[in-house]
PDB file of N, CA and C in Angstrom:
ATOM      1  N   MET A   1       0.859  -1.167   0.000  1.00  0.00           N
ATOM      2  CA  MET A   1       0.000   0.000   0.000  1.00  0.00           C
ATOM      3  C   MET A   1       0.901   1.224   0.000  1.00  0.00           C
ATOM      4  N   PRO A   2       0.680   2.192  -0.877  1.00  0.00           N
ATOM      5  CA  PRO A   2       1.533   3.362  -0.960  1.00  0.00           C
ATOM      6  C   PRO A   2       1.569   4.123   0.346  1.00  0.00           C
ATOM      7  N   GLY A   3       2.764   4.496   0.744  1.00  0.00           N
ATOM      8  CA  GLY A   3       2.922   5.313   1.930  1.00  0.00           C
ATOM      9  C   GLY A   3       2.889   4.529   3.233  1.00  0.00           C
ATOM     10  N   GLY A   4       2.546   3.261   3.173  1.00  0.00           N
ATOM     11  CA  GLY A   4       2.412   2.484   4.387  1.00  0.00           C
ATOM     12  C   GLY A   4       3.720   2.235   5.104  1.00  0.00           C
ATOM     13  N   SER A   5       4.800   2.046   4.375  1.00  0.00           N
ATOM     14  CA  SER A   5       6.061   1.712   5.011  1.00  0.00           C
ATOM     15  C   SER A   5       6.580   2.838   5.878  1.00  0.00           C
ATOM     16  N   GLY A   6       6.301   4.078   5.525  1.00  0.00           N
ATOM     17  CA  GLY A   6       6.751   5.208   6.332  1.00  0.00           C
ATOM     18  C   GLY A   6       6.123   5.198   7.710  1.00  0.00           C
ATOM     19  N   ARG A   7       4.838   4.921   7.787  1.00  0.00           N
ATOM     20  CA  ARG A   7       4.154   4.882   9.078  1.00  0.00           C
ATOM     21  C   ARG A   7       4.703   3.743   9.921  1.00  0.00           C
ATOM     22  N   HIS A   8       4.885   2.573   9.308  1.00  0.00           N
ATOM     23  CA  HIS A   8       5.389   1.436  10.060  1.00  0.00           C
ATOM     24  C   HIS A   8       6.839   1.664  10.466  1.00  0.00           C
ATOM     25  N   ALA A   9       7.610   2.277   9.616  1.00  0.00           N
ATOM     26  CA  ALA A   9       9.008   2.552   9.933  1.00  0.00           C
ATOM     27  C   ALA A   9       9.103   3.467  11.143  1.00  0.00           C
ATOM     28  N   GLY A  10       8.204   4.441  11.238  1.00  0.00           N
ATOM     29  CA  GLY A  10       8.197   5.353  12.384  1.00  0.00           C
ATOM     30  C   GLY A  10       7.919   4.621  13.684  1.00  0.00           C
ATOM     31  N   ARG A  11       6.986   3.688  13.652  1.00  0.00           N
ATOM     32  CA  ARG A  11       6.677   2.914  14.854  1.00  0.00           C
ATOM     33  C   ARG A  11       7.860   2.049  15.251  1.00  0.00           C
ATOM     34  N   LEU A  12       8.486   1.401  14.270  1.00  0.00           N
ATOM     35  CA  LEU A  12       9.636   0.561  14.576  1.00  0.00           C
ATOM     36  C   LEU A  12      10.776   1.383  15.138  1.00  0.00           C
ATOM     37  N   ALA A  13      11.012   2.556  14.558  1.00  0.00           N
ATOM     38  CA  ALA A  13      12.091   3.409  15.046  1.00  0.00           C
ATOM     39  C   ALA A  13      11.843   3.801  16.493  1.00  0.00           C
ATOM     40  N   SER A  14      10.595   4.112  16.846  1.00  0.00           N
ATOM     41  CA  SER A  14      10.304   4.526  18.215  1.00  0.00           C
ATOM     42  C   SER A  14      10.518   3.372  19.188  1.00  0.00           C
ATOM     43  N   ARG A  15      10.238   2.158  18.771  1.00  0.00           N
ATOM     44  CA  ARG A  15      10.429   1.001  19.646  1.00  0.00           C
ATOM     45  C   ARG A  15      11.905   0.716  19.900  1.00  0.00           C
ATOM     46  N   PHE A  16      12.745   1.106  18.976  1.00  0.00           N
ATOM     47  CA  PHE A  16      14.167   0.824  19.103  1.00  0.00           C
ATOM     48  C   PHE A  16      14.971   2.077  19.405  1.00  0.00           C
ATOM     49  N   GLY A  17      14.341   3.072  20.013  1.00  0.00           N
ATOM     50  CA  GLY A  17      15.057   4.252  20.452  1.00  0.00           C
ATOM     51  C   GLY A  17      15.236   5.320  19.398  1.00  0.00           C
ATOM     52  N   GLY A  18      14.705   5.139  18.207  1.00  0.00           N
ATOM     53  CA  GLY A  18      14.815   6.150  17.163  1.00  0.00           C
ATOM     54  C   GLY A  18      13.751   7.216  17.315  1.00  0.00           C
ATOM     55  N   MET A  19      13.766   8.152  16.393  1.00  0.00           N
ATOM     56  CA  MET A  19      12.799   9.235  16.423  1.00  0.00           C
ATOM     57  C   MET A  19      11.466   8.743  15.846  1.00  0.00           C
ATOM     58  N   ALA A  20      10.387   8.958  16.574  1.00  0.00           N
ATOM     59  CA  ALA A  20       9.071   8.495  16.129  1.00  0.00           C
ATOM     60  C   ALA A  20       8.381   9.548  15.280  1.00  0.00           C
ATOM     61  N   GLU A  21       7.664   9.097  14.262  1.00  0.00           N
ATOM     62  CA  GLU A  21       6.832   9.990  13.460  1.00  0.00           C
ATOM     63  C   GLU A  21       5.538  10.246  14.207  1.00  0.00           C
ATOM     64  N   GLU A  22       4.912  11.378  13.932  1.00  0.00           N
ATOM     65  CA  GLU A  22       3.584  11.632  14.470  1.00  0.00           C
ATOM     66  C   GLU A  22       2.601  10.726  13.747  1.00  0.00           C
ATOM     67  N   GLU A  23       1.615  10.244  14.461  1.00  0.00           N
ATOM     68  CA  GLU A  23       0.574   9.417  13.872  1.00  0.00           C
ATOM     69  C   GLU A  23      -0.773   9.918  14.363  1.00  0.00           C
ATOM     70  N   TYR A  24      -1.766   9.779  13.496  1.00  0.00           N
ATOM     71  CA  TYR A  24      -3.100  10.278  13.803  1.00  0.00           C
ATOM     72  C   TYR A  24      -4.129   9.224  13.435  1.00  0.00           C
ATOM     73  N   TRP A  25      -5.243   9.234  14.148  1.00  0.00           N
ATOM     74  CA  TRP A  25      -6.346   8.313  13.918  1.00  0.00           C
ATOM     75  C   TRP A  25      -7.635   9.108  13.773  1.00  0.00           C
ATOM     76  N   PHE A  26      -8.609   8.521  13.076  1.00  0.00           N
ATOM     77  CA  PHE A  26      -9.940   9.115  13.004  1.00  0.00           C
ATOM     78  C   PHE A  26     -10.842   8.315  13.926  1.00  0.00           C
ATOM     79  N   CYS A  27     -11.456   8.991  14.896  1.00  0.00           N
ATOM     80  CA  CYS A  27     -12.338   8.337  15.856  1.00  0.00           C
ATOM     81  C   CYS A  27     -13.739   8.236  15.266  1.00  0.00           C
ATOM     82  N   LEU A  28     -14.229   7.017  15.115  1.00  0.00           N
ATOM     83  CA  LEU A  28     -15.566   6.773  14.574  1.00  0.00           C
ATOM     84  C   LEU A  28     -16.660   7.143  15.573  1.00  0.00           C
ATOM     85  N   LYS A  29     -16.338   7.143  16.842  1.00  0.00           N
ATOM     86  CA  LYS A  29     -17.305   7.461  17.889  1.00  0.00           C
ATOM     87  C   LYS A  29     -17.553   8.965  17.989  1.00  0.00           C
ATOM     88  N   HIS A  30     -16.472   9.748  17.917  1.00  0.00           N
ATOM     89  CA  HIS A  30     -16.567  11.197  18.107  1.00  0.00           C
ATOM     90  C   HIS A  30     -16.427  11.997  16.814  1.00  0.00           C
ATOM     91  N   HIS A  31     -16.080  11.323  15.719  1.00  0.00           N
ATOM     92  CA  HIS A  31     -15.849  11.963  14.417  1.00  0.00           C
ATOM     93  C   HIS A  31     -14.820  13.089  14.527  1.00  0.00           C
ATOM     94  N   THR A  32     -13.703  12.751  15.181  1.00  0.00           N
ATOM     95  CA  THR A  32     -12.606  13.696  15.340  1.00  0.00           C
ATOM     96  C   THR A  32     -11.286  13.001  15.046  1.00  0.00           C
ATOM     97  N   VAL A  33     -10.265  13.802  14.776  1.00  0.00           N
ATOM     98  CA  VAL A  33      -8.907  13.294  14.605  1.00  0.00           C
ATOM     99  C   VAL A  33      -8.268  13.218  15.988  1.00  0.00           C
ATOM    100  N   GLU A  34      -7.618  12.093  16.263  1.00  0.00           N
ATOM    101  CA  GLU A  34      -6.985  11.889  17.561  1.00  0.00           C
ATOM    102  C   GLU A  34      -5.516  11.525  17.386  1.00  0.00           C
ATOM    103  N   GLU A  35      -4.757  11.777  18.445  1.00  0.00           N
ATOM    104  CA  GLU A  35      -3.373  11.328  18.494  1.00  0.00           C
ATOM    105  C   GLU A  35      -3.343   9.976  19.191  1.00  0.00           C
ATOM    106  N   ARG A  36      -2.165   9.485  19.461  1.00  0.00           N
ATOM    107  CA  ARG A  36      -1.966   8.130  19.985  1.00  0.00           C
ATOM    108  C   ARG A  36      -2.856   7.826  21.200  1.00  0.00           C
ATOM    109  N   ASP A  37      -2.964   8.727  22.137  1.00  0.00           N
ATOM    110  CA  ASP A  37      -3.714   8.475  23.370  1.00  0.00           C
ATOM    111  C   ASP A  37      -5.177   8.870  23.227  1.00  0.00           C
ATOM    112  N   GLY A  38      -5.836   8.342  22.234  1.00  0.00           N
ATOM    113  CA  GLY A  38      -7.245   8.642  22.003  1.00  0.00           C
ATOM    114  C   GLY A  38      -8.119   7.482  22.430  1.00  0.00           C
ATOM    115  N   CYS A  39      -9.223   7.335  21.766  1.00  0.00           N
ATOM    116  CA  CYS A  39     -10.183   6.266  22.061  1.00  0.00           C
ATOM    117  C   CYS A  39      -9.583   4.895  21.745  1.00  0.00           C
ATOM    118  N   LYS A  40     -10.316   3.854  22.143  1.00  0.00           N
ATOM    119  CA  LYS A  40      -9.822   2.492  21.921  1.00  0.00           C
ATOM    120  C   LYS A  40      -9.732   2.188  20.421  1.00  0.00           C
ATOM    121  N   ALA A  41      -8.849   1.282  20.087  1.00  0.00           N
ATOM    122  CA  ALA A  41      -8.560   0.955  18.686  1.00  0.00           C
ATOM    123  C   ALA A  41      -9.799   0.517  17.916  1.00  0.00           C
ATOM    124  N   ALA A  42     -10.730  -0.166  18.562  1.00  0.00           N
ATOM    125  CA  ALA A  42     -11.930  -0.651  17.877  1.00  0.00           C
ATOM    126  C   ALA A  42     -12.804   0.492  17.365  1.00  0.00           C
ATOM    127  N   ASP A  43     -12.623   1.685  17.931  1.00  0.00           N
ATOM    128  CA  ASP A  43     -13.423   2.848  17.539  1.00  0.00           C
ATOM    129  C   ASP A  43     -12.681   3.786  16.597  1.00  0.00           C
ATOM    130  N   ARG A  44     -11.513   3.356  16.086  1.00  0.00           N
ATOM    131  CA  ARG A  44     -10.703   4.279  15.290  1.00  0.00           C
ATOM    132  C   ARG A  44     -10.251   3.673  13.975  1.00  0.00           C
ATOM    133  N   LEU A  45      -9.969   4.544  13.011  1.00  0.00           N
ATOM    134  CA  LEU A  45      -9.331   4.177  11.748  1.00  0.00           C
ATOM    135  C   LEU A  45      -7.942   4.790  11.764  1.00  0.00           C
ATOM    136  N   GLY A  46      -6.949   4.048  11.273  1.00  0.00           N
ATOM    137  CA  GLY A  46      -5.611   4.592  11.205  1.00  0.00           C
ATOM    138  C   GLY A  46      -4.591   3.554  11.619  1.00  0.00           C
ATOM    139  N   PRO A  47      -3.369   3.951  11.764  1.00  0.00           N
ATOM    140  CA  PRO A  47      -2.903   5.337  11.843  1.00  0.00           C
ATOM    141  C   PRO A  47      -2.663   5.959  10.471  1.00  0.00           C
ATOM    142  N   TYR A  48      -2.681   7.271  10.464  1.00  0.00           N
ATOM    143  CA  TYR A  48      -2.390   8.077   9.284  1.00  0.00           C
ATOM    144  C   TYR A  48      -1.187   8.954   9.596  1.00  0.00           C
ATOM    145  N   ALA A  49      -0.449   9.316   8.564  1.00  0.00           N
ATOM    146  CA  ALA A  49       0.772  10.101   8.735  1.00  0.00           C
ATOM    147  C   ALA A  49       0.495  11.567   9.052  1.00  0.00           C
ATOM    148  N   THR A  50      -0.656  12.075   8.626  1.00  0.00           N
ATOM    149  CA  THR A  50      -0.966  13.490   8.862  1.00  0.00           C
ATOM    150  C   THR A  50      -2.385  13.645   9.394  1.00  0.00           C
ATOM    151  N   ARG A  51      -2.644  14.800  10.019  1.00  0.00           N
ATOM    152  CA  ARG A  51      -3.998  15.121  10.483  1.00  0.00           C
ATOM    153  C   ARG A  51      -4.972  15.159   9.307  1.00  0.00           C
ATOM    154  N   ASP A  52      -4.522  15.727   8.183  1.00  0.00           N
ATOM    155  CA  ASP A  52      -5.391  15.833   7.008  1.00  0.00           C
ATOM    156  C   ASP A  52      -5.804  14.464   6.485  1.00  0.00           C
ATOM    157  N   GLU A  53      -4.873  13.515   6.443  1.00  0.00           N
ATOM    158  CA  GLU A  53      -5.208  12.155   6.000  1.00  0.00           C
ATOM    159  C   GLU A  53      -6.223  11.523   6.947  1.00  0.00           C
ATOM    160  N   ALA A  54      -6.023  11.702   8.243  1.00  0.00           N
ATOM    161  CA  ALA A  54      -6.961  11.142   9.220  1.00  0.00           C
ATOM    162  C   ALA A  54      -8.336  11.780   9.083  1.00  0.00           C
ATOM    163  N   ALA A  55      -8.376  13.088   8.852  1.00  0.00           N
ATOM    164  CA  ALA A  55      -9.651  13.793   8.708  1.00  0.00           C
ATOM    165  C   ALA A  55     -10.425  13.310   7.487  1.00  0.00           C
ATOM    166  N   ALA A  56      -9.717  12.827   6.482  1.00  0.00           N
ATOM    167  CA  ALA A  56     -10.353  12.353   5.246  1.00  0.00           C
ATOM    168  C   ALA A  56     -10.603  10.841   5.269  1.00  0.00           C
ATOM    169  N   ALA A  57     -10.493  10.220   6.427  1.00  0.00           N
ATOM    170  CA  ALA A  57     -10.598   8.762   6.532  1.00  0.00           C
ATOM    171  C   ALA A  57     -11.914   8.217   6.001  1.00  0.00           C
ATOM    172  N   LEU A  58     -13.027   8.847   6.336  1.00  0.00           N
ATOM    173  CA  LEU A  58     -14.321   8.329   5.879  1.00  0.00           C
ATOM    174  C   LEU A  58     -14.476   8.456   4.373  1.00  0.00           C
ATOM    175  N   ASP A  59     -13.921   9.518   3.792  1.00  0.00           N
ATOM    176  CA  ASP A  59     -13.944   9.657   2.333  1.00  0.00           C
ATOM    177  C   ASP A  59     -13.150   8.528   1.685  1.00  0.00           C
ATOM    178  N   LYS A  60     -11.995   8.214   2.268  1.00  0.00           N
ATOM    179  CA  LYS A  60     -11.153   7.138   1.742  1.00  0.00           C
ATOM    180  C   LYS A  60     -11.867   5.790   1.848  1.00  0.00           C
ATOM    181  N   VAL A  61     -12.541   5.561   2.955  1.00  0.00           N
ATOM    182  CA  VAL A  61     -13.303   4.321   3.130  1.00  0.00           C
ATOM    183  C   VAL A  61     -14.374   4.209   2.053  1.00  0.00           C
ATOM    184  N   GLN A  62     -15.094   5.287   1.815  1.00  0.00           N
ATOM    185  CA  GLN A  62     -16.150   5.273   0.796  1.00  0.00           C
ATOM    186  C   GLN A  62     -15.572   4.990  -0.586  1.00  0.00           C
ATOM    187  N   GLN A  63     -14.441   5.623  -0.924  1.00  0.00           N
ATOM    188  CA  GLN A  63     -13.807   5.395  -2.222  1.00  0.00           C
ATOM    189  C   GLN A  63     -13.399   3.935  -2.375  1.00  0.00           C
ATOM    190  N   ARG A  64     -12.802   3.374  -1.340  1.00  0.00           N
ATOM    191  CA  ARG A  64     -12.363   1.974  -1.403  1.00  0.00           C
ATOM    192  C   ARG A  64     -13.548   1.028  -1.506  1.00  0.00           C
ATOM    193  N   ASN A  65     -14.590   1.295  -0.739  1.00  0.00           N
ATOM    194  CA  ASN A  65     -15.778   0.437  -0.811  1.00  0.00           C
ATOM    195  C   ASN A  65     -16.383   0.445  -2.206  1.00  0.00           C
ATOM    196  N   GLU A  66     -16.478   1.611  -2.816  1.00  0.00           N
ATOM    197  CA  GLU A  66     -17.019   1.707  -4.174  1.00  0.00           C
ATOM    198  C   GLU A  66     -16.140   0.959  -5.165  1.00  0.00           C
ATOM    199  N   ALA A  67     -14.826   1.101  -5.018  1.00  0.00           N
ATOM    200  CA  ALA A  67     -13.905   0.401  -5.919  1.00  0.00           C
ATOM    201  C   ALA A  67     -14.051  -1.115  -5.761  1.00  0.00           C
ATOM    202  N   TRP A  68     -14.137  -1.585  -4.528  1.00  0.00           N
ATOM    203  CA  TRP A  68     -14.274  -3.026  -4.298  1.00  0.00           C
ATOM    204  C   TRP A  68     -15.628  -3.532  -4.788  1.00  0.00           C
ATOM    205  N   ASP A  69     -16.684  -2.737  -4.566  1.00  0.00           N
ATOM    206  CA  ASP A  69     -18.012  -3.145  -5.040  1.00  0.00           C
ATOM    207  C   ASP A  69     -18.044  -3.313  -6.553  1.00  0.00           C
ATOM    208  N   ASN A  70     -17.231  -2.541  -7.258  1.00  0.00           N
ATOM    209  CA  ASN A  70     -17.227  -2.568  -8.720  1.00  0.00           C
ATOM    210  C   ASN A  70     -16.075  -3.371  -9.310  1.00  0.00           C
ATOM    211  N   ASP A  71     -15.299  -4.039  -8.483  1.00  0.00           N
ATOM    212  CA  ASP A  71     -14.162  -4.827  -8.947  1.00  0.00           C
ATOM    213  C   ASP A  71     -14.649  -6.226  -9.326  1.00  0.00           C
ATOM    214  N   PRO A  72     -14.588  -6.588 -10.607  1.00  0.00           N
ATOM    215  CA  PRO A  72     -15.092  -7.899 -11.037  1.00  0.00           C
ATOM    216  C   PRO A  72     -14.335  -9.074 -10.414  1.00  0.00           C
ATOM    217  N   ASP A  73     -13.104  -8.853  -9.955  1.00  0.00           N
ATOM    218  CA  ASP A  73     -12.357  -9.931  -9.315  1.00  0.00           C
ATOM    219  C   ASP A  73     -12.903 -10.261  -7.925  1.00  0.00           C
ATOM    220  N   TRP A  74     -13.618  -9.319  -7.309  1.00  0.00           N
ATOM    221  CA  TRP A  74     -14.114  -9.506  -5.953  1.00  0.00           C
ATOM    222  C   TRP A  74     -15.630  -9.503  -5.866  1.00  0.00           C
ATOM    223  N   ASN A  75     -16.301  -9.333  -6.988  1.00  0.00           N
ATOM    224  CA  ASN A  75     -17.751  -9.200  -6.955  1.00  0.00           C
ATOM    225  C   ASN A  75     -18.331  -9.863  -8.198  1.00  0.00           C
ATOM    226  N   ASP A  76     -19.201 -10.811  -7.995  1.00  0.00           N
ATOM    227  CA  ASP A  76     -19.829 -11.501  -9.124  1.00  0.00           C
ATOM    228  C   ASP A  76     -21.009 -10.734  -9.699  1.00  0.00           C
ATOM    229  N   ASP A  77     -21.469  -9.725  -8.996  1.00  0.00           N
ATOM    230  CA  ASP A  77     -22.599  -8.921  -9.459  1.00  0.00           C
ATOM    231  C   ASP A  77     -22.137  -7.893 -10.483  1.00  0.00           C
ATOM    232  N   ALA A  78     -23.096  -7.338 -11.194  1.00  0.00           N
ATOM    233  CA  ALA A  78     -22.787  -6.257 -12.143  1.00  0.00           C
ATOM    234  C   ALA A  78     -22.336  -5.026 -11.363  1.00  0.00           C
ATOM    235  N   PRO A  79     -21.455  -4.208 -11.956  1.00  0.00           N
ATOM    236  CA  PRO A  79     -20.999  -2.985 -11.272  1.00  0.00           C
ATOM    237  C   PRO A  79     -22.177  -2.092 -10.901  1.00  0.00           C
ATOM    238  N   ARG A  80     -22.058  -1.492  -9.711  1.00  0.00           N
ATOM    239  CA  ARG A  80     -23.090  -0.569  -9.243  1.00  0.00           C
ATOM    240  C   ARG A  80     -22.785   0.829  -9.730  1.00  0.00           C
ATOM    241  N   GLU A  81     -23.814   1.584  -9.898  1.00  0.00           N
ATOM    242  CA  GLU A  81     -23.619   2.982 -10.274  1.00  0.00           C
ATOM    243  C   GLU A  81     -23.906   3.842  -9.065  1.00  0.00           C
ATOM    244  N   GLY A  82     -22.997   4.849  -8.818  1.00  0.00           N
ATOM    245  CA  GLY A  82     -23.079   5.698  -7.644  1.00  0.00           C
ATOM    246  C   GLY A  82     -24.143   6.653  -7.676  1.00  0.00           C
TER     247      GLY A  82
END
């Protein structure tokens, strides 16, 4: 997944004494962007590298769902129209 290795690299670096990247999550319960010490993981999407990416989480979910719904490799039904 594009950009994914940077987020994971930041977490690994922090575990081994390196400099950690900032990470952000979108809280599904409160519809807000949170930092590491936010709501429980089951209520959040992320992590994201920036606040802006986290804020756009629901838009990204919708885009991915539409793409998967219309992907003939994953769906035997005819493509849906939005």
